[in-house]
C-alpha cells in the first residue's frame, strides 16, 4: 500500500510540476505580447493567442489577468525569445526555443546541457536550415463538414489537416507567415480556437537505434527541466 501511495504521490507531483511550467511559459508569452502590442486582447492578436492557449490548459483567469497586469508595469523584467542551435548526441540536429529575461544565463545553461550529454552548441544557422517554421491551430471538430471546412481554410493558408477523433479536434497546419491570416479567418467564422502555436518541422529525418534514442531523450529531458526552455525540436525519426 505504501508503494502505491508513493507512486501516486510522485505522479501527482510530476503533473503539478508540468502544469506549473506550462503556466510559467504562458505567463512569459503574455509578457512579450503585452510589451509588443498592449494589454487589450481586442487589438492585440498575439495576446488573444496567449489567452486561448491559457484556456486550453485550464489556466485560471485570475492568473491570466495578473500576468497581463504585471506585464503592463514598466518596471517588470523584459522577456525575449531566443532560438539556440546545436547538435545532440550522435549528430542529431537540435533547435531549442527559449523565453528569457537573462540571455547570458540561458545560453550558458543550454551550452552545458549539450556538452554534458554528448552534443555541442552551434552558431546561428548551423542547423536551422534543416527545419521549417510552421503554425498550428486546434479547433473543435464536432459539427464541421470535412470537405467544406478544408476547402474554405485553404484560402487562408491551410496546407495540412489532421482530424483527431480521439480528442474531437481538427489540427490545421499553415506556413509560419500565414499565422495571422488563419487566426483572423477562424475568429471571423466564429470558430473556437482551442490552441495555437508556432513550431519547427524538420525537412529531413535521422534514424537512431534504441540506445542512441535513449541518449537523445536524456538531453531533451534535461533541457525540458529548465524554466527558460519553451520547446526542443530535433529531426530524429
Protein backbone atom coordinates (compact mmCIF):
# COMPACT_ATOMS: atom_id res chain seq x y z
CA UNK A 1 0.00 0.00 0.00
CA UNK A 2 2.86 2.36 0.85
CA UNK A 3 4.49 1.84 -2.55
CA UNK A 4 1.19 2.55 -4.35
CA UNK A 5 0.76 5.74 -2.32
CA UNK A 6 4.31 6.86 -3.11
CA UNK A 7 3.79 6.18 -6.82
CA UNK A 8 0.57 8.19 -6.85
CA UNK A 9 2.25 10.97 -4.91
CA UNK A 10 5.11 11.08 -7.43
CA UNK A 11 2.65 11.07 -10.36
CA UNK A 12 0.70 13.96 -8.86
CA UNK A 13 3.90 15.89 -8.19
CA UNK A 14 5.07 15.38 -11.77
CA UNK A 15 1.68 16.50 -13.09
CA UNK A 16 1.68 19.65 -10.97
CA UNK A 17 5.30 20.39 -11.92
CA UNK A 18 4.42 20.13 -15.62
CA UNK A 19 1.36 22.35 -15.11
CA UNK A 20 3.45 24.94 -13.26
CA UNK A 21 5.99 25.02 -16.12
CA UNK A 22 3.19 25.43 -18.66
CA UNK A 23 1.67 28.30 -16.69
CA UNK A 24 5.11 29.94 -16.40
CA UNK A 25 5.60 29.65 -20.16
CA UNK A 26 2.23 31.22 -20.91
CA UNK A 27 2.94 33.98 -18.40
CA UNK A 28 6.14 34.83 -20.28
CA UNK A 29 4.30 34.71 -23.61
CA UNK A 30 1.74 37.14 -22.20
CA UNK A 31 4.51 39.48 -21.04
CA UNK A 32 6.06 39.54 -24.52
CA UNK A 33 2.67 40.02 -26.19
CA UNK A 34 1.67 42.90 -23.91
CA UNK A 35 5.02 44.65 -24.31
CA UNK A 36 4.72 44.35 -28.09
CA UNK A 37 1.05 45.19 -28.63
CA UNK A 38 -0.55 46.44 -25.43
CA UNK A 39 -2.83 44.88 -22.78
CA UNK A 40 -6.10 44.86 -24.79
CA UNK A 41 -6.71 41.46 -26.44
CA UNK A 42 -9.26 43.00 -28.82
CA UNK A 43 -6.49 44.95 -30.53
CA UNK A 44 -3.61 42.54 -29.83
CA UNK A 45 -3.87 39.27 -31.79
CA UNK A 46 -0.79 37.82 -30.13
CA UNK A 47 -2.29 38.38 -26.69
CA UNK A 48 -5.53 36.73 -27.85
CA UNK A 49 -3.46 33.71 -28.85
CA UNK A 50 -1.90 33.57 -25.38
CA UNK A 51 -5.30 33.76 -23.70
CA UNK A 52 -6.62 30.98 -25.94
CA UNK A 53 -3.69 28.77 -25.01
CA UNK A 54 -4.21 29.56 -21.33
CA UNK A 55 -7.79 28.36 -21.56
CA UNK A 56 -6.66 25.19 -23.34
CA UNK A 57 -4.58 24.17 -20.29
CA UNK A 58 -7.16 25.37 -17.74
CA UNK A 59 -5.00 28.24 -16.51
CA UNK A 60 -7.23 30.24 -14.10
CA UNK A 61 -8.50 33.56 -15.43
CA UNK A 62 -7.14 35.27 -12.32
CA UNK A 63 -3.64 34.08 -13.27
CA UNK A 64 -4.08 35.39 -16.82
CA UNK A 65 -5.35 38.78 -15.63
CA UNK A 66 -2.48 39.02 -13.13
CA UNK A 67 0.07 38.23 -15.86
CA UNK A 68 -1.37 40.95 -18.10
CA UNK A 69 -1.31 43.44 -15.23
CA UNK A 70 2.30 42.58 -14.35
CA UNK A 71 3.37 42.90 -17.98
CA UNK A 72 1.83 46.38 -18.11
CA UNK A 73 4.15 47.51 -15.32
CA UNK A 74 7.11 49.37 -16.79
CA UNK A 75 9.40 48.05 -14.05
CA UNK A 76 8.76 44.37 -14.82
CA UNK A 77 11.53 42.29 -16.39
CA UNK A 78 11.58 42.26 -20.18
CA UNK A 79 11.45 38.78 -21.68
CA UNK A 80 12.80 38.00 -25.11
CA UNK A 81 12.57 34.99 -27.37
CA UNK A 82 15.70 33.15 -28.43
CA UNK A 83 16.49 30.12 -30.57
CA UNK A 84 19.66 28.13 -29.87
CA UNK A 85 21.05 25.62 -32.35
CA UNK A 86 23.33 22.69 -31.94
CA UNK A 87 23.97 19.01 -32.41
CA UNK A 88 22.83 16.49 -29.85
CA UNK A 89 24.32 13.05 -29.27
CA UNK A 90 25.01 11.01 -32.43
CA UNK A 91 24.89 14.15 -34.59
CA UNK A 92 21.17 14.86 -34.22
CA UNK A 93 20.33 18.48 -35.18
CA UNK A 94 18.55 20.24 -32.31
CA UNK A 95 16.74 23.58 -32.00
CA UNK A 96 16.00 24.91 -28.52
CA UNK A 97 13.29 27.57 -28.26
CA UNK A 98 13.59 29.76 -25.15
CA UNK A 99 11.98 32.76 -23.46
CA UNK A 100 14.32 34.54 -21.10
CA UNK A 101 15.00 37.71 -19.15
CA UNK A 102 18.69 36.82 -18.91
CA UNK A 103 20.19 35.56 -22.21
CA UNK A 104 23.64 35.14 -20.65
CA UNK A 105 22.26 32.69 -18.10
CA UNK A 106 20.18 30.86 -20.66
CA UNK A 107 22.87 30.35 -23.29
CA UNK A 108 25.26 29.17 -20.57
CA UNK A 109 22.76 26.56 -19.43
CA UNK A 110 21.98 25.39 -22.97
CA UNK A 111 25.70 25.03 -23.74
CA UNK A 112 26.11 22.97 -20.56
CA UNK A 113 23.21 20.64 -21.42
CA UNK A 114 24.67 19.98 -24.85
CA UNK A 115 28.24 19.40 -23.63
CA UNK A 116 27.25 17.11 -20.74
CA UNK A 117 25.07 14.93 -22.94
CA UNK A 118 27.25 14.21 -25.94
CA UNK A 119 26.42 17.28 -28.02
CA UNK A 120 27.62 20.79 -28.75
CA UNK A 121 26.09 24.23 -29.06
CA UNK A 122 26.35 25.63 -32.58
CA UNK A 123 26.15 29.06 -34.16
CA UNK A 124 23.12 30.76 -35.69
CA UNK A 125 22.19 28.99 -38.90
CA UNK A 126 24.16 25.83 -38.16
CA UNK A 127 21.07 23.56 -38.13
CA UNK A 128 18.05 25.85 -38.61
CA UNK A 129 18.19 25.30 -42.38
CA UNK A 130 17.09 21.72 -41.68
CA UNK A 131 13.76 22.92 -40.25
CA UNK A 132 10.74 24.87 -41.48
CA UNK A 133 8.70 27.24 -39.29
CA UNK A 134 5.02 26.31 -39.22
CA UNK A 135 1.88 27.37 -37.38
CA UNK A 136 -0.64 25.00 -35.82
CA UNK A 137 -4.25 25.60 -34.81
CA UNK A 138 -6.51 23.21 -32.91
CA UNK A 139 -10.27 23.69 -33.24
CA UNK A 140 -13.25 21.54 -32.14
CA UNK A 141 -14.21 19.16 -34.94
CA UNK A 142 -17.78 18.44 -33.80
CA UNK A 143 -20.32 19.61 -36.35
CA UNK A 144 -17.78 20.50 -39.02
CA UNK A 145 -18.25 19.36 -42.60
CA UNK A 146 -14.86 17.94 -43.54
CA UNK A 147 -14.85 18.89 -47.21
CA UNK A 148 -16.38 22.33 -46.69
CA UNK A 149 -14.09 23.47 -43.86
CA UNK A 150 -10.94 22.24 -45.60
CA UNK A 151 -11.94 23.96 -48.85
CA UNK A 152 -12.69 27.24 -47.02
CA UNK A 153 -9.49 27.31 -44.95
CA UNK A 154 -7.12 26.54 -47.83
CA UNK A 155 -7.71 30.12 -48.98
CA UNK A 156 -6.29 31.36 -45.66
CA UNK A 157 -3.08 29.37 -45.76
CA UNK A 158 -4.04 25.89 -44.55
CA UNK A 159 -1.70 23.32 -46.08
CA UNK A 160 -2.32 20.24 -43.92
CA UNK A 161 -5.31 18.94 -41.93
CA UNK A 162 -5.32 16.25 -39.23
CA UNK A 163 -8.67 15.04 -37.90
CA UNK A 164 -8.08 13.82 -34.35
CA UNK A 165 -11.12 11.67 -33.49
CA UNK A 166 -9.72 10.80 -30.05
CA UNK A 167 -9.84 14.43 -28.88
CA UNK A 168 -12.56 15.58 -31.31
CA UNK A 169 -10.20 18.16 -32.80
CA UNK A 170 -9.16 19.38 -36.20
CA UNK A 171 -5.45 20.31 -36.33
CA UNK A 172 -4.62 22.82 -39.05
CA UNK A 173 -1.05 23.45 -40.22
CA UNK A 174 -0.08 26.60 -42.10
CA UNK A 175 3.16 28.28 -43.11
CA UNK A 176 4.51 30.49 -40.33
CA UNK A 177 3.78 33.61 -42.40
CA UNK A 178 0.08 32.73 -42.58
CA UNK A 179 -0.45 32.57 -38.81
CA UNK A 180 -2.27 35.92 -38.62
CA UNK A 181 -4.45 35.20 -41.65
CA UNK A 182 -5.62 31.88 -40.24
CA UNK A 183 -6.23 33.29 -36.76
CA UNK A 184 -8.34 36.11 -38.19
CA UNK A 185 -10.24 33.76 -40.50
CA UNK A 186 -11.21 31.40 -37.67
CA UNK A 187 -12.24 34.32 -35.46
CA UNK A 188 -14.36 35.83 -38.25
CA UNK A 189 -16.06 32.48 -38.76
CA UNK A 190 -16.79 32.32 -35.00
CA UNK A 191 -14.80 29.07 -34.74
CA UNK A 192 -13.28 28.46 -31.32
CA UNK A 193 -9.50 28.23 -31.34
CA UNK A 194 -8.65 25.73 -28.62
CA UNK A 195 -4.92 26.17 -29.01
CA UNK A 196 -2.45 27.74 -31.41
CA UNK A 197 1.32 27.55 -31.64
CA UNK A 198 4.33 28.20 -33.84
CA UNK A 199 6.57 25.18 -34.30
CA UNK A 200 9.61 23.93 -36.21
CA UNK A 201 9.17 20.93 -38.52
CA UNK A 202 12.26 19.01 -39.73
CA UNK A 203 12.70 18.70 -43.51
CA UNK A 204 14.82 15.55 -43.17
CA UNK A 205 14.96 12.75 -40.59
CA UNK A 206 17.79 10.85 -38.92
CA UNK A 207 17.45 7.19 -37.98
CA UNK A 208 18.54 6.19 -34.45
CA UNK A 209 18.77 2.83 -32.75
CA UNK A 210 17.29 2.32 -29.27
CA UNK A 211 20.46 3.19 -27.38
CA UNK A 212 21.04 6.33 -29.45
CA UNK A 213 17.43 7.37 -28.97
CA UNK A 214 17.79 6.98 -25.20
CA UNK A 215 20.80 9.33 -25.27
CA UNK A 216 18.77 11.96 -27.15
CA UNK A 217 15.83 11.62 -24.76
CA UNK A 218 18.18 12.23 -21.81
CA UNK A 219 19.30 15.52 -23.38
CA UNK A 220 15.74 16.62 -24.15
CA UNK A 221 14.52 15.79 -20.64
CA UNK A 222 17.35 17.78 -19.10
CA UNK A 223 16.53 20.79 -21.27
CA UNK A 224 12.82 20.48 -20.54
CA UNK A 225 13.54 20.93 -16.84
CA UNK A 226 14.89 24.44 -17.50
CA UNK A 227 12.26 27.15 -16.96
CA UNK A 228 13.69 29.20 -19.83
CA UNK A 229 13.15 26.40 -22.36
CA UNK A 230 9.85 26.51 -24.24
CA UNK A 231 10.36 23.61 -26.65
CA UNK A 232 13.06 21.33 -28.06
CA UNK A 233 12.95 20.28 -31.71
CA UNK A 234 15.03 17.61 -33.47
CA UNK A 235 14.89 15.51 -36.60
CA UNK A 236 15.27 12.05 -35.08
CA UNK A 237 12.75 9.71 -36.69
